[in-house]
Amino acid sequence: MLRAMPYDEGLAERVRELLEERPDLTERKMFGGIGFMLGGNMCCGVLGDELVVRLAAEDGEAALAEPHVRPFDFTGRPMKGFVLVGPAATETEEGLDAWVARAEAFVSSLPPK
């Protein structure tokens, strides 16, 4: 289970820059970190030094086989379609952009709230 901790402001700023062109972008404090919402749906976020990524349930399962990815287990029960991506996978701009783009693509397919 995750422990709430301050989130990495630098990582949050990098995510913000990737999504800043979206007119439907909002931010919300959540899980002891920060969530980036598109059309009212959570897209991704920062918790501690990890990136929270929302994907389709089947894509989330597949992503768990990738390096530096683990289940998003905040309550003691993993949330389907959400994964935590460790710093080693997001330290480069290309790595971070790829993960944020995957989340953005999925969330863009959802109806706005």
C-alpha atoms as a PDB file:
ATOM      1  CA  MET A   1       0.000   0.000   0.000  1.00  0.00           C
ATOM      2  CA  LEU A   2       1.213   3.525  -0.788  1.00  0.00           C
ATOM      3  CA  ARG A   3       2.032   6.093   1.815  1.00  0.00           C
ATOM      4  CA  ALA A   4       1.026   9.679   1.200  1.00  0.00           C
ATOM      5  CA  MET A   5       4.083  11.850   0.685  1.00  0.00           C
ATOM      6  CA  PRO A   6       4.796  15.205  -0.845  1.00  0.00           C
ATOM      7  CA  TYR A   7       4.797  15.001  -4.599  1.00  0.00           C
ATOM      8  CA  ASP A   8       7.675  15.872  -6.920  1.00  0.00           C
ATOM      9  CA  GLU A   9       6.936  19.451  -8.017  1.00  0.00           C
ATOM     10  CA  GLY A  10       9.489  19.201 -10.828  1.00  0.00           C
ATOM     11  CA  LEU A  11       7.773  16.169 -12.315  1.00  0.00           C
ATOM     12  CA  ALA A  12       4.379  17.865 -11.925  1.00  0.00           C
ATOM     13  CA  GLU A  13       5.670  20.921 -13.804  1.00  0.00           C
ATOM     14  CA  ARG A  14       6.992  18.728 -16.627  1.00  0.00           C
ATOM     15  CA  VAL A  15       3.575  17.026 -16.934  1.00  0.00           C
ATOM     16  CA  ARG A  16       1.847  20.423 -16.815  1.00  0.00           C
ATOM     17  CA  GLU A  17       3.996  21.627 -19.721  1.00  0.00           C
ATOM     18  CA  LEU A  18       3.056  18.579 -21.794  1.00  0.00           C
ATOM     19  CA  LEU A  19      -0.673  19.159 -21.252  1.00  0.00           C
ATOM     20  CA  GLU A  20      -0.794  22.972 -21.151  1.00  0.00           C
ATOM     21  CA  GLU A  21      -2.211  23.276 -24.683  1.00  0.00           C
ATOM     22  CA  ARG A  22      -5.357  21.418 -23.627  1.00  0.00           C
ATOM     23  CA  PRO A  23      -8.197  23.879 -22.922  1.00  0.00           C
ATOM     24  CA  ASP A  24      -9.943  21.213 -20.795  1.00  0.00           C
ATOM     25  CA  LEU A  25      -6.964  20.758 -18.425  1.00  0.00           C
ATOM     26  CA  THR A  26      -7.595  21.214 -14.711  1.00  0.00           C
ATOM     27  CA  GLU A  27      -5.582  20.155 -11.692  1.00  0.00           C
ATOM     28  CA  ARG A  28      -6.801  18.649  -8.465  1.00  0.00           C
ATOM     29  CA  LYS A  29      -5.038  17.658  -5.268  1.00  0.00           C
ATOM     30  CA  MET A  30      -5.677  13.949  -4.786  1.00  0.00           C
ATOM     31  CA  PHE A  31      -4.120  10.886  -3.159  1.00  0.00           C
ATOM     32  CA  GLY A  32      -1.672  13.185  -1.365  1.00  0.00           C
ATOM     33  CA  GLY A  33      -0.360  14.247  -4.773  1.00  0.00           C
ATOM     34  CA  ILE A  34      -1.709  16.107  -7.772  1.00  0.00           C
ATOM     35  CA  GLY A  35      -3.995  14.891 -10.533  1.00  0.00           C
ATOM     36  CA  PHE A  36      -4.249  16.291 -14.042  1.00  0.00           C
ATOM     37  CA  MET A  37      -7.801  16.149 -15.329  1.00  0.00           C
ATOM     38  CA  LEU A  38      -8.920  16.377 -18.969  1.00  0.00           C
ATOM     39  CA  GLY A  39     -12.600  17.076 -19.478  1.00  0.00           C
ATOM     40  CA  GLY A  40     -13.127  16.279 -15.812  1.00  0.00           C
ATOM     41  CA  ASN A  41     -11.590  12.787 -16.117  1.00  0.00           C
ATOM     42  CA  MET A  42      -8.327  11.958 -14.403  1.00  0.00           C
ATOM     43  CA  CYS A  43      -5.583  11.535 -16.995  1.00  0.00           C
ATOM     44  CA  CYS A  44      -2.411  11.274 -14.961  1.00  0.00           C
ATOM     45  CA  GLY A  45      -0.863  12.595 -11.810  1.00  0.00           C
ATOM     46  CA  VAL A  46       2.158  12.734  -9.586  1.00  0.00           C
ATOM     47  CA  LEU A  47       2.383  10.889  -6.290  1.00  0.00           C
ATOM     48  CA  GLY A  48       5.725  11.132  -4.546  1.00  0.00           C
ATOM     49  CA  ASP A  49       8.287  10.775  -7.333  1.00  0.00           C
ATOM     50  CA  GLU A  50       6.101   8.511  -9.465  1.00  0.00           C
ATOM     51  CA  LEU A  51       3.747   9.218 -12.339  1.00  0.00           C
ATOM     52  CA  VAL A  52       0.184   7.938 -12.001  1.00  0.00           C
ATOM     53  CA  VAL A  53      -1.069   6.966 -15.461  1.00  0.00           C
ATOM     54  CA  ARG A  54      -4.645   6.132 -16.435  1.00  0.00           C
ATOM     55  CA  LEU A  55      -5.072   3.613 -19.224  1.00  0.00           C
ATOM     56  CA  ALA A  56      -7.808   1.343 -20.511  1.00  0.00           C
ATOM     57  CA  ALA A  57      -8.091  -1.647 -18.129  1.00  0.00           C
ATOM     58  CA  GLU A  58      -6.479  -4.069 -20.602  1.00  0.00           C
ATOM     59  CA  ASP A  59      -3.675  -1.595 -21.401  1.00  0.00           C
ATOM     60  CA  GLY A  60      -3.065  -1.099 -17.695  1.00  0.00           C
ATOM     61  CA  GLU A  61      -2.650  -4.841 -17.244  1.00  0.00           C
ATOM     62  CA  ALA A  62      -0.223  -5.011 -20.189  1.00  0.00           C
ATOM     63  CA  ALA A  63       1.731  -1.995 -18.895  1.00  0.00           C
ATOM     64  CA  LEU A  64       2.528  -3.885 -15.678  1.00  0.00           C
ATOM     65  CA  ALA A  65       4.956  -6.024 -17.707  1.00  0.00           C
ATOM     66  CA  GLU A  66       6.975  -2.936 -18.660  1.00  0.00           C
ATOM     67  CA  PRO A  67      10.057  -1.848 -16.712  1.00  0.00           C
ATOM     68  CA  HIS A  68       9.529   0.476 -13.717  1.00  0.00           C
ATOM     69  CA  VAL A  69       5.734   0.030 -13.714  1.00  0.00           C
ATOM     70  CA  ARG A  70       3.708  -1.266 -10.776  1.00  0.00           C
ATOM     71  CA  PRO A  71       0.039  -1.376  -9.784  1.00  0.00           C
ATOM     72  CA  PHE A  72      -1.563   1.776  -8.427  1.00  0.00           C
ATOM     73  CA  ASP A  73      -2.445   0.367  -5.033  1.00  0.00           C
ATOM     74  CA  PHE A  74      -3.480   3.316  -2.893  1.00  0.00           C
ATOM     75  CA  THR A  75      -6.209   1.719  -0.818  1.00  0.00           C
ATOM     76  CA  GLY A  76      -4.861  -1.809  -0.461  1.00  0.00           C
ATOM     77  CA  ARG A  77      -6.634  -2.897  -3.626  1.00  0.00           C
ATOM     78  CA  PRO A  78      -5.073  -2.080  -7.037  1.00  0.00           C
ATOM     79  CA  MET A  79      -7.168   0.266  -9.187  1.00  0.00           C
ATOM     80  CA  LYS A  80      -7.840  -1.216 -12.620  1.00  0.00           C
ATOM     81  CA  GLY A  81      -6.581   0.930 -15.465  1.00  0.00           C
ATOM     82  CA  PHE A  82      -4.181   2.913 -13.278  1.00  0.00           C
ATOM     83  CA  VAL A  83      -0.451   2.243 -12.953  1.00  0.00           C
ATOM     84  CA  LEU A  84       2.455   3.899 -11.191  1.00  0.00           C
ATOM     85  CA  VAL A  85       5.461   4.617 -13.369  1.00  0.00           C
ATOM     86  CA  GLY A  86       8.776   4.973 -11.555  1.00  0.00           C
ATOM     87  CA  PRO A  87      11.282   7.796 -12.045  1.00  0.00           C
ATOM     88  CA  ALA A  88      13.621   5.683 -14.198  1.00  0.00           C
ATOM     89  CA  ALA A  89      10.912   5.536 -16.891  1.00  0.00           C
ATOM     90  CA  THR A  90      10.111   9.260 -16.801  1.00  0.00           C
ATOM     91  CA  GLU A  91      13.529  10.864 -16.305  1.00  0.00           C
ATOM     92  CA  THR A  92      13.918  11.635 -20.026  1.00  0.00           C
ATOM     93  CA  GLU A  93      11.531  13.931 -21.859  1.00  0.00           C
ATOM     94  CA  GLU A  94      10.832  11.129 -24.342  1.00  0.00           C
ATOM     95  CA  GLY A  95       9.938   8.703 -21.572  1.00  0.00           C
ATOM     96  CA  LEU A  96       7.635  11.127 -19.794  1.00  0.00           C
ATOM     97  CA  ASP A  97       6.023  12.266 -23.040  1.00  0.00           C
ATOM     98  CA  ALA A  98       5.297   8.677 -24.066  1.00  0.00           C
ATOM     99  CA  TRP A  99       3.525   7.862 -20.791  1.00  0.00           C
ATOM    100  CA  VAL A 100       1.543  11.106 -20.686  1.00  0.00           C
ATOM    101  CA  ALA A 101       0.561  10.647 -24.350  1.00  0.00           C
ATOM    102  CA  ARG A 102      -0.760   7.145 -23.608  1.00  0.00           C
ATOM    103  CA  ALA A 103      -2.898   8.475 -20.760  1.00  0.00           C
ATOM    104  CA  GLU A 104      -4.059  11.462 -22.802  1.00  0.00           C
ATOM    105  CA  ALA A 105      -5.090   9.223 -25.707  1.00  0.00           C
ATOM    106  CA  PHE A 106      -7.203   7.011 -23.447  1.00  0.00           C
ATOM    107  CA  VAL A 107      -8.821   9.818 -21.474  1.00  0.00           C
ATOM    108  CA  SER A 108      -9.591  11.730 -24.680  1.00  0.00           C
ATOM    109  CA  SER A 109     -11.772   8.774 -25.702  1.00  0.00           C
ATOM    110  CA  LEU A 110     -13.961   9.203 -22.595  1.00  0.00           C
ATOM    111  CA  PRO A 111     -17.005  11.474 -22.482  1.00  0.00           C
ATOM    112  CA  PRO A 112     -16.363  14.707 -20.551  1.00  0.00           C
ATOM    113  CA  LYS A 113     -17.775  14.869 -17.036  1.00  0.00           C
END
